[in-house]
Every structure is written in C-alpha cells, then in structure tokens.
Protein backbone atom coordinates (compact mmCIF):
# COMPACT_ATOMS: atom_id res chain seq x y z
CA MET A 1 122.50 118.00 108.31
CA GLU A 2 121.24 119.67 111.45
CA ARG A 3 117.65 118.47 111.91
CA CYS A 4 116.37 121.83 113.07
CA GLY A 5 118.18 123.99 110.55
CA THR A 6 118.19 127.65 109.76
CA LEU A 7 114.89 127.70 107.92
CA LYS A 8 113.08 125.94 110.76
CA ARG A 9 114.41 128.48 113.24
CA GLN A 10 113.11 131.26 111.03
CA LEU A 11 109.69 129.65 110.99
CA ASP A 12 109.36 128.88 114.71
CA PRO A 13 107.05 130.54 115.63
CA ILE A 14 105.90 132.71 112.74
CA THR A 15 102.55 134.17 113.68
CA VAL A 16 100.77 136.04 116.41
CA HIS A 17 98.47 133.03 116.77
CA CYS A 18 101.29 130.69 117.70
CA ASN A 19 103.18 133.24 119.76
CA SER A 20 100.14 133.84 121.91
CA GLY A 21 99.41 130.16 122.39
CA ALA A 22 95.80 130.73 121.35
CA SER A 23 94.09 128.34 119.01
CA PRO A 24 92.74 129.62 115.68
CA ALA A 25 89.19 129.22 116.94
CA THR A 26 89.78 131.69 119.78
CA GLN A 27 91.15 134.55 117.68
CA PRO A 28 89.18 137.83 117.63
CA ALA A 29 86.68 138.27 114.83
CA SER A 30 87.80 140.38 111.89
CA ALA A 31 86.00 142.45 109.31
CA ASP A 32 88.39 141.05 106.70
CA ALA A 33 86.29 139.36 104.02
CA ARG A 34 89.00 136.93 102.94
CA PRO A 35 88.61 133.21 103.75
CA THR A 36 89.32 132.51 107.41
CA PHE A 37 92.51 130.58 106.72
CA LEU A 38 94.08 133.63 105.09
CA LYS A 39 93.57 135.93 108.08
CA SER A 40 96.84 135.96 109.97
CA VAL A 41 99.65 138.31 110.94
CA TRP A 42 102.77 136.97 109.26
CA ASN A 43 106.45 137.60 109.56
CA PRO A 44 107.33 138.48 105.91
CA ILE A 45 110.69 136.71 106.02
CA ALA A 46 109.00 133.58 107.36
CA ILE A 47 106.42 133.69 104.58
CA ILE A 48 109.12 133.81 101.92
CA GLN A 49 110.95 130.91 103.52
CA LEU A 50 107.76 128.86 103.94
CA THR A 51 106.78 129.48 100.34
CA LYS A 52 110.23 128.34 99.19
CA ILE A 53 109.98 125.24 101.37
CA ILE A 54 106.65 124.07 99.99
CA ARG A 55 107.08 125.20 96.37
CA GLU A 56 110.55 123.73 95.97
CA GLY A 57 110.12 120.73 98.24
CA ILE A 58 112.77 121.94 100.68
CA ASN A 59 112.36 121.36 104.41
CA PRO A 60 115.12 121.69 106.99
CA VAL A 61 114.00 118.55 108.82
CA THR A 62 112.63 116.22 106.12
CA ALA A 63 113.98 117.83 102.91
CA GLU A 64 110.34 117.98 101.78
CA PHE A 65 107.15 119.56 103.11
CA MET A 66 104.58 116.79 103.16
CA ASN A 67 101.23 117.75 101.67
CA ILE A 68 99.64 114.31 102.12
CA ALA A 69 96.30 113.59 100.45
CA HIS A 70 94.35 111.82 103.20
CA ARG A 71 92.82 108.69 101.64
CA GLY A 72 93.45 110.58 98.42
CA ALA A 73 91.80 113.92 97.74
CA SER A 74 88.89 112.61 99.75
CA SER A 75 86.95 115.86 99.95
CA TYR A 76 86.38 115.57 96.19
CA ALA A 77 86.16 111.84 95.43
CA PRO A 78 85.36 108.67 97.38
CA GLU A 79 88.14 107.91 99.83
CA ASN A 80 90.75 105.23 99.18
CA THR A 81 89.80 104.81 95.53
CA PHE A 82 91.69 105.38 92.30
CA ALA A 83 89.47 108.41 91.69
CA ALA A 84 90.66 110.06 94.91
CA TYR A 85 94.34 109.25 94.29
CA ASP A 86 94.15 110.40 90.66
CA LYS A 87 92.59 113.65 91.79
CA ALA A 88 95.45 114.22 94.22
CA LEU A 89 97.94 113.72 91.39
CA ALA A 90 96.02 116.21 89.25
CA MET A 91 96.38 118.73 92.08
CA GLY A 92 100.16 118.31 91.96
CA VAL A 93 100.27 116.39 95.25
CA ASN A 94 102.78 113.54 95.41
CA HIS A 95 102.01 112.10 98.85
CA ILE A 96 98.99 109.89 99.55
CA GLU A 97 97.75 108.26 102.73
CA LEU A 98 95.96 104.92 102.59
CA ASP A 99 94.70 102.27 105.00
CA VAL A 100 95.08 98.49 104.79
CA HIS A 101 93.09 95.52 106.06
CA PHE A 102 93.18 91.76 105.49
CA THR A 103 90.37 89.98 103.66
CA SER A 104 89.13 86.59 104.85
CA ASP A 105 91.36 84.94 102.24
CA ASP A 106 94.46 86.92 103.31
CA HIS A 107 94.61 89.58 100.62
CA LEU A 108 95.55 93.16 101.53
CA VAL A 109 92.90 95.68 100.55
CA VAL A 110 92.79 99.46 100.85
CA ILE A 111 89.85 100.62 102.97
CA HIS A 112 89.66 102.70 106.13
CA ASP A 113 86.92 101.17 108.26
CA ASP A 114 86.79 97.71 109.82
CA THR A 115 83.50 97.22 107.97
CA VAL A 116 82.39 97.95 104.42
CA ASP A 117 79.08 99.53 105.46
CA ARG A 118 79.97 103.24 105.28
CA THR A 119 81.83 103.36 101.97
CA THR A 120 80.24 100.60 99.86
CA ASP A 121 76.85 99.08 99.13
CA GLY A 122 77.80 96.01 101.17
CA SER A 123 77.77 95.21 104.85
CA GLY A 124 79.82 93.44 107.46
CA PRO A 125 83.47 93.32 108.54
CA VAL A 126 86.15 93.55 105.86
CA ALA A 127 87.82 90.51 107.41
CA ASP A 128 84.69 88.40 106.80
CA HIS A 129 84.75 89.00 103.03
CA THR A 130 86.88 87.33 100.38
CA LEU A 131 88.64 89.48 97.83
CA GLY A 132 86.10 88.33 95.27
CA ASP A 133 83.27 89.51 97.50
CA LEU A 134 84.86 92.93 97.93
CA ARG A 135 85.54 93.37 94.21
CA SER A 136 81.81 93.11 93.55
CA LEU A 137 80.97 96.04 95.84
CA ASP A 138 80.30 99.59 94.66
CA ALA A 139 82.79 101.79 96.54
CA GLY A 140 81.84 105.09 94.93
CA SER A 141 78.10 105.72 94.69
CA TRP A 142 77.83 106.69 98.37
CA PHE A 143 79.89 109.74 97.43
CA GLY A 144 78.32 110.50 94.04
CA HIS A 145 76.61 108.62 91.23
CA GLN A 146 79.47 109.47 88.85
CA TYR A 147 81.75 107.21 90.94
CA ALA A 148 79.59 104.08 90.69
CA ASP A 149 82.39 102.17 88.93
CA GLU A 150 84.90 102.63 91.76
CA ARG A 151 85.93 99.48 93.61
CA ILE A 152 87.94 98.69 96.72
CA PRO A 153 91.52 98.38 95.43
CA THR A 154 94.12 95.95 96.67
CA LEU A 155 97.33 97.31 98.12
CA GLY A 156 99.23 95.79 95.23
CA GLU A 157 97.05 97.59 92.69
CA VAL A 158 97.65 100.93 94.39
CA LEU A 159 101.41 100.41 94.61
CA GLU A 160 101.61 99.32 90.97
CA ARG A 161 99.46 102.17 89.65
CA TYR A 162 101.23 104.97 91.51
CA LYS A 163 104.81 103.80 92.07
CA GLY A 164 107.22 106.50 91.01
CA ARG A 165 104.46 109.11 91.23
CA HIS A 166 103.44 109.08 94.89
CA HIS A 167 105.05 108.60 98.29
CA PHE A 168 102.81 106.14 100.14
CA HIS A 169 101.90 106.73 103.79
CA ILE A 170 100.39 103.34 104.67
CA GLU A 171 98.34 103.21 107.85
CA ILE A 172 98.06 99.76 109.44
CA LYS A 173 94.53 99.48 110.79
CA ALA A 174 93.10 96.35 112.48
CA ARG A 175 94.53 95.82 115.96
CA ARG A 176 94.12 92.10 116.43
CA VAL A 177 95.24 90.66 113.10
CA PRO A 178 98.72 89.12 113.39
CA GLY A 179 101.11 89.72 110.55
CA LEU A 180 99.39 92.70 108.94
CA ALA A 181 102.42 94.98 109.26
CA THR A 182 104.95 92.41 108.03
CA ARG A 183 102.75 91.36 105.10
CA THR A 184 102.37 95.01 104.13
CA ILE A 185 106.15 95.46 104.17
CA ASP A 186 106.65 92.28 102.14
CA MET A 187 104.36 93.71 99.47
CA VAL A 188 106.13 97.08 99.57
CA ARG A 189 109.43 95.29 98.96
CA GLY A 190 107.91 93.14 96.25
CA TYR A 191 106.78 96.19 94.29
CA GLY A 192 110.15 97.91 94.72
CA VAL A 193 108.83 100.98 96.51
CA THR A 194 110.69 100.67 99.82
CA ASN A 195 112.15 104.16 99.42
CA ASP A 196 108.72 105.66 98.80
CA VAL A 197 106.84 104.34 101.84
CA THR A 198 106.22 105.38 105.42
CA ILE A 199 104.39 102.95 107.72
CA THR A 200 102.04 104.58 110.23
CA SER A 201 99.47 103.56 112.82
CA PHE A 202 97.66 104.70 115.94
CA TRP A 203 98.32 101.24 117.31
CA LYS A 204 101.91 101.25 118.61
CA PRO A 205 102.51 97.48 118.39
CA TRP A 206 102.13 97.68 114.59
CA ILE A 207 104.83 100.34 114.40
CA ASP A 208 107.09 98.34 116.71
CA GLU A 209 106.56 95.31 114.48
CA SER A 210 107.41 97.37 111.42
CA ARG A 211 110.58 98.75 112.99
CA ALA A 212 111.75 95.29 114.00
CA TYR A 213 111.01 93.78 110.59
CA ALA A 214 112.18 96.65 108.38
CA PRO A 215 114.26 99.23 110.26
CA ASP A 216 115.09 100.91 106.94
CA ILE A 217 111.47 101.98 106.33
CA PRO A 218 110.36 105.19 108.08
CA THR A 219 107.63 104.89 110.69
CA GLY A 220 105.08 107.36 112.03
CA TRP A 221 103.10 107.08 115.26
CA LEU A 222 99.70 108.77 115.12
CA VAL A 223 98.96 110.24 118.55
CA PRO A 224 97.12 110.50 120.79
CA LEU A 225 94.69 107.59 120.49
CA GLY A 226 91.06 108.73 120.54
CA PRO A 227 89.37 112.03 119.61
CA ASP A 228 89.12 113.29 123.21
CA SER A 229 92.58 112.28 124.38
CA GLN A 230 95.25 114.87 125.02
CA TRP A 231 98.98 115.21 124.53
CA GLU A 232 101.23 113.47 127.07
CA ASP A 233 104.98 113.99 127.24
CA SER A 234 105.40 110.24 127.79
CA ILE A 235 104.65 109.88 124.06
CA VAL A 236 108.09 111.30 123.33
CA ASP A 237 109.88 108.83 125.59
CA GLN A 238 108.02 105.89 124.06
CA ALA A 239 108.74 107.06 120.50
CA LEU A 240 112.44 107.54 121.31
CA GLU A 241 112.68 104.09 122.86
CA SER A 242 111.06 102.53 119.80
CA GLY A 243 113.16 104.50 117.31
CA PHE A 244 110.24 105.93 115.32
CA THR A 245 110.92 108.44 112.54
CA GLN A 246 107.79 110.55 112.87
CA VAL A 247 105.50 111.60 115.67
CA CYS A 248 102.14 112.64 114.26
CA PRO A 249 100.04 114.70 116.69
CA ARG A 250 96.42 115.62 116.15
CA ALA A 251 96.24 119.15 114.77
CA ASP A 252 93.83 120.50 117.36
CA ILE A 253 96.26 119.82 120.21
CA VAL A 254 99.57 120.64 118.54
CA THR A 255 101.43 123.74 119.71
CA PRO A 256 104.70 125.40 118.71
CA GLU A 257 106.17 124.11 121.96
CA ILE A 258 105.28 120.49 121.15
CA VAL A 259 106.71 120.81 117.64
CA LYS A 260 109.90 122.39 118.94
CA MET A 261 110.34 119.66 121.55
CA LEU A 262 109.83 116.92 118.96
CA HIS A 263 112.27 118.53 116.54
CA GLU A 264 114.87 118.82 119.29
CA LYS A 265 114.46 115.08 119.89
CA GLY A 266 115.05 114.42 116.18
CA PHE A 267 111.50 113.58 115.05
CA VAL A 268 109.71 114.59 111.90
CA VAL A 269 106.37 116.14 112.85
CA ARG A 270 103.34 115.74 110.63
CA CYS A 271 99.84 116.47 111.82
CA HIS A 272 96.60 114.59 111.31
CA GLY A 273 92.95 115.44 111.95
CA ILE A 274 92.93 118.47 109.62
CA SER A 275 89.14 118.85 109.43
CA ASN A 276 89.03 122.50 108.37
CA GLU A 277 91.18 125.29 106.97
CA ASP A 278 91.79 126.86 110.39
CA LEU A 279 93.50 123.67 111.54
CA MET A 280 95.44 123.51 108.27
CA ARG A 281 96.81 126.99 108.90
CA HIS A 282 97.42 126.25 112.56
CA ALA A 283 99.55 123.18 111.79
CA VAL A 284 101.70 125.13 109.33
CA GLU A 285 102.10 128.06 111.69
CA CYS A 286 103.19 125.81 114.54
CA GLY A 287 106.11 124.56 112.44
CA ALA A 288 104.95 121.06 111.48
CA ASP A 289 106.77 119.33 108.62
CA GLY A 290 103.59 118.18 106.92
CA MET A 291 100.01 117.03 107.33
CA THR A 292 97.44 114.58 106.08
CA ILE A 293 94.60 116.59 104.59
CA ASN A 294 91.38 115.77 102.73
CA PHE A 295 91.64 118.95 100.65
CA PRO A 296 95.30 119.21 99.62
CA ASP A 297 94.45 121.80 96.98
CA LYS A 298 93.61 124.23 99.80
CA LEU A 299 97.12 123.86 101.19
CA VAL A 300 98.53 124.56 97.73
CA GLU A 301 96.23 127.59 97.43
CA TYR A 302 97.29 128.81 100.86
CA VAL A 303 100.97 128.69 99.99
CA GLU A 304 100.38 130.37 96.64
CA TYR A 305 98.59 133.18 98.45
CA LEU A 306 101.55 133.59 100.81
CA GLY A 307 103.92 133.69 97.87
CA ALA A 308 101.87 136.37 96.10
CA LYS A 309 101.67 138.37 99.30
CA CYS A 310 105.44 138.42 99.61
CA GLY A 311 106.27 138.68 95.92
C-alpha cells in the first residue's frame, strides 16, 4: 500500500493555520466563544476524511490513527498507574504510553522519572531501590487522596493486565543502564504481545539496540532531545540509516512540511509534547499519524465535533 495514500493527500494541509505556516499561538484573536481548539477554518472534505480515519481506525500510513494516552490518561489520574491506564480504556482509547526503569535487583518497573521523589512518598533513584522497596511506596496520593492505594507497577503486571486491550508504546528511559532495551523486549516476547508493542526513546542507542535485537518490533525515535532544541534535517538521515519505523517530533516544532518530508521517506509520524489543546489541534492539522496526549478524551471530543460539523 502506498504509504502516503489518497486520504493523506486530502489532509495535507487542511487548514489555514498550516497553510500559512503560523503556529496556533500566533493566530488572530476571535470573538468565537467556543474552546480555542475548535476555532479553525477547515476544508469540509478533509474533515469528513479525518473523522472517518479516527472513528474507524483507518489511516493511509499506519492503518490506524494513534490516540496514545501518555502515561495513561495522566491528566485525570496519577501517571503510569493502573488507575491512569484504566481511565484511558474507559475513554475508548486503546493505545498507552509507559516508561520503564530497572530496580536495584533487576526488575523492570513502570515509572517516568529517574527518581521516585515526584510521584511517590519515597525518595532517591529508582535504580537504588529493590522491587520490594518500590511496592511499599504510595504512587497515587500526590495526585489525589482517592488514589492512595496506587503502586508502581512492574512492566510484567502492565502487560498482563492490558494485553489484548491496549497497544503498548514503551519508552526506554535510563541512558546508562546496559541491557534495558533487550530485557524489555524479552518480557514483551514472554507475554506474547510482540505485535502490540512499539519501542521508543529519546536516547538513540536504545532504539538501535532494539532494532538489532528485534527488527520485527516497530521503533520510534522521540526528537529532538531537550525542550529548547530545534528540528534538524540530519534527524531524517540518522533515522533512515537505523531503519526506524517512526519519527516522533515535538508538537511545538512540527510543521506540515516536516510531516510531508517524513511521510515521503516512509516514516510514521506521531507527535509528543502535547501540553495543551492548541498543540493537539496543530499536530492533527499538520498531518501527523498520531500523538501521545495526557487528555485523550479531548482528542476524541475534537473529532466528534468535526464529525458533527460535517454531518
């Protein structure tokens, strides 16, 4: 199947915002009282096609638009916990993003930061704690007292609980821990979810390790590294050389031109860094194939609005 098929051509670009090259934040103010993310000038044919893509799971590049709950539905429940993943399922979202680290006794646990300080009542590096230590920590009360029973899950627990219900986008975190990518893949294989996993990282050596160890598992490179860094065309050459499946640009720097170039090179494009609804809309309008998002229900709401507008 042609990677940039008919539907993608109809969607690229589909709004005045993207045609002009202006970012959502620079658009003129409007008296329209609707939420900001709904204020856009749309091509009606493109809206119908986009609605069909997301509602029916059809995408000309990936065969599925990826509404990926970032650390679960983490705007509504403590990140990387069963509560956040369950909430994503309840929203009808079947993609989740999660992060993995090693414990001091070589177990794989699901937590974003290198330390436990921000999201638990403990302190210190994840890698300095045993699994038993981590299981005793409260991983939910920082978000809300009703989540006091949440704990840091192991990767195996997450795969077992959600296999067959979620596609797992597993981000490999710690840079200087040998074997983290291969151990993650071994566990993925052990739980029989190879076809439902994408391995991602900002740290390119982890993705290279994943490709070498399991070329059958899709890989995504999160770029660029660092909140102030900008897009560089050399990213494309490096991703081509390494044979990555996805290139995942930060939403605030993505443009229709970048998406088009990546599609022409055969990459799936999914954005990260969706911190607000303007960036959510911007990523869709620029033709991305998906995004990680803390509030996946807002993306569902957005598409439903577009469908009603065109109905």
